[in-house]
Amino acid sequence: MSKKPKEIDFHREAEDQLNAIRSRIGQEVPLSNRYVRGQRAILVSVDGETATLQFPNGATLANVPLRDLVDDSGYWKS
């Protein structure tokens, strides 16, 4: 397990995480249970701090805060 350096470049860390999220555009993503249970939505786009998602039934959900793309099963760790 690697240690984080004492001096963390938060801008770089945030950019790396945002790039990881953007790489999932067009794929299913986890979403907080506050929004939905069941099938995962597909990430359509990322614009700043928000995302646009599309559900299998065709519904689109815009302006979803990136913090709400969550999943306790470790989806983002794989």
Protein backbone atom coordinates (compact mmCIF):
# COMPACT_ATOMS: atom_id res chain seq x y z
CA MET A 1 0.00 0.00 0.00
CA SER A 2 1.54 3.30 -1.04
CA LYS A 3 1.56 6.33 1.20
CA LYS A 4 0.38 9.72 0.08
CA PRO A 5 3.08 12.38 0.13
CA LYS A 6 3.02 14.89 2.98
CA GLU A 7 2.41 17.68 0.48
CA ILE A 8 -0.71 16.82 -1.50
CA ASP A 9 -1.44 18.71 -4.69
CA PHE A 10 -5.22 18.89 -4.32
CA HIS A 11 -5.69 20.48 -7.73
CA ARG A 12 -3.88 17.56 -9.38
CA GLU A 13 -5.74 14.99 -7.25
CA ALA A 14 -9.09 16.56 -8.18
CA GLU A 15 -8.15 16.67 -11.87
CA ASP A 16 -7.12 12.99 -11.79
CA GLN A 17 -10.44 12.00 -10.22
CA LEU A 18 -12.41 14.12 -12.69
CA ASN A 19 -10.54 12.49 -15.59
CA ALA A 20 -11.38 9.06 -14.15
CA ILE A 21 -15.07 10.01 -14.08
CA ARG A 22 -14.95 11.44 -17.61
CA SER A 23 -13.42 8.18 -18.86
CA ARG A 24 -16.72 6.49 -17.90
CA ILE A 25 -18.84 8.55 -20.33
CA GLY A 26 -21.04 6.12 -22.25
CA GLN A 27 -20.84 3.48 -19.51
CA GLU A 28 -23.07 2.57 -16.61
CA VAL A 29 -22.23 4.36 -13.39
CA PRO A 30 -23.35 3.92 -9.80
CA LEU A 31 -25.75 6.48 -8.40
CA SER A 32 -26.78 7.30 -4.86
CA ASN A 33 -29.89 5.47 -3.67
CA ARG A 34 -31.43 8.90 -3.12
CA TYR A 35 -32.08 8.87 -6.87
CA VAL A 36 -32.89 5.32 -7.85
CA ARG A 37 -32.74 1.63 -7.06
CA GLY A 38 -32.29 -0.93 -9.76
CA GLN A 39 -30.52 -0.57 -13.07
CA ARG A 40 -27.61 1.83 -13.29
CA ALA A 41 -27.76 4.99 -15.32
CA ILE A 42 -25.37 5.67 -18.21
CA LEU A 43 -23.05 8.65 -17.86
CA VAL A 44 -23.73 10.97 -20.81
CA SER A 45 -21.54 13.96 -19.96
CA VAL A 46 -19.61 15.80 -17.26
CA ASP A 47 -19.80 19.58 -17.08
CA GLY A 48 -17.80 21.11 -14.24
CA GLU A 49 -19.13 19.70 -10.97
CA THR A 50 -22.24 18.06 -12.46
CA ALA A 51 -23.11 15.14 -14.71
CA THR A 52 -25.93 14.19 -17.07
CA LEU A 53 -27.23 10.62 -16.86
CA GLN A 54 -29.58 8.55 -19.00
CA PHE A 55 -31.58 5.64 -17.65
CA PRO A 56 -32.45 2.45 -19.57
CA ASN A 57 -36.06 3.64 -19.91
CA GLY A 58 -34.84 6.73 -21.82
CA ALA A 59 -35.24 9.25 -18.99
CA THR A 60 -32.44 11.82 -18.70
CA LEU A 61 -31.31 13.36 -15.43
CA ALA A 62 -29.23 16.55 -15.71
CA ASN A 63 -27.21 18.51 -13.15
CA VAL A 64 -26.39 15.53 -10.94
CA PRO A 65 -23.59 16.54 -8.53
CA LEU A 66 -20.49 14.39 -9.09
CA ARG A 67 -20.49 13.54 -5.37
CA ASP A 68 -23.74 11.62 -5.99
CA LEU A 69 -22.01 9.14 -8.30
CA VAL A 70 -21.38 6.81 -5.39
CA ASP A 71 -21.36 3.10 -4.75
CA ASP A 72 -20.31 1.18 -1.65
CA SER A 73 -19.43 -1.96 -3.60
CA GLY A 74 -16.11 -0.48 -4.76
CA TYR A 75 -17.13 0.23 -8.36
CA TRP A 76 -14.71 3.15 -8.69
CA LYS A 77 -11.83 1.13 -7.19
CA SER A 78 -11.75 -1.45 -9.97
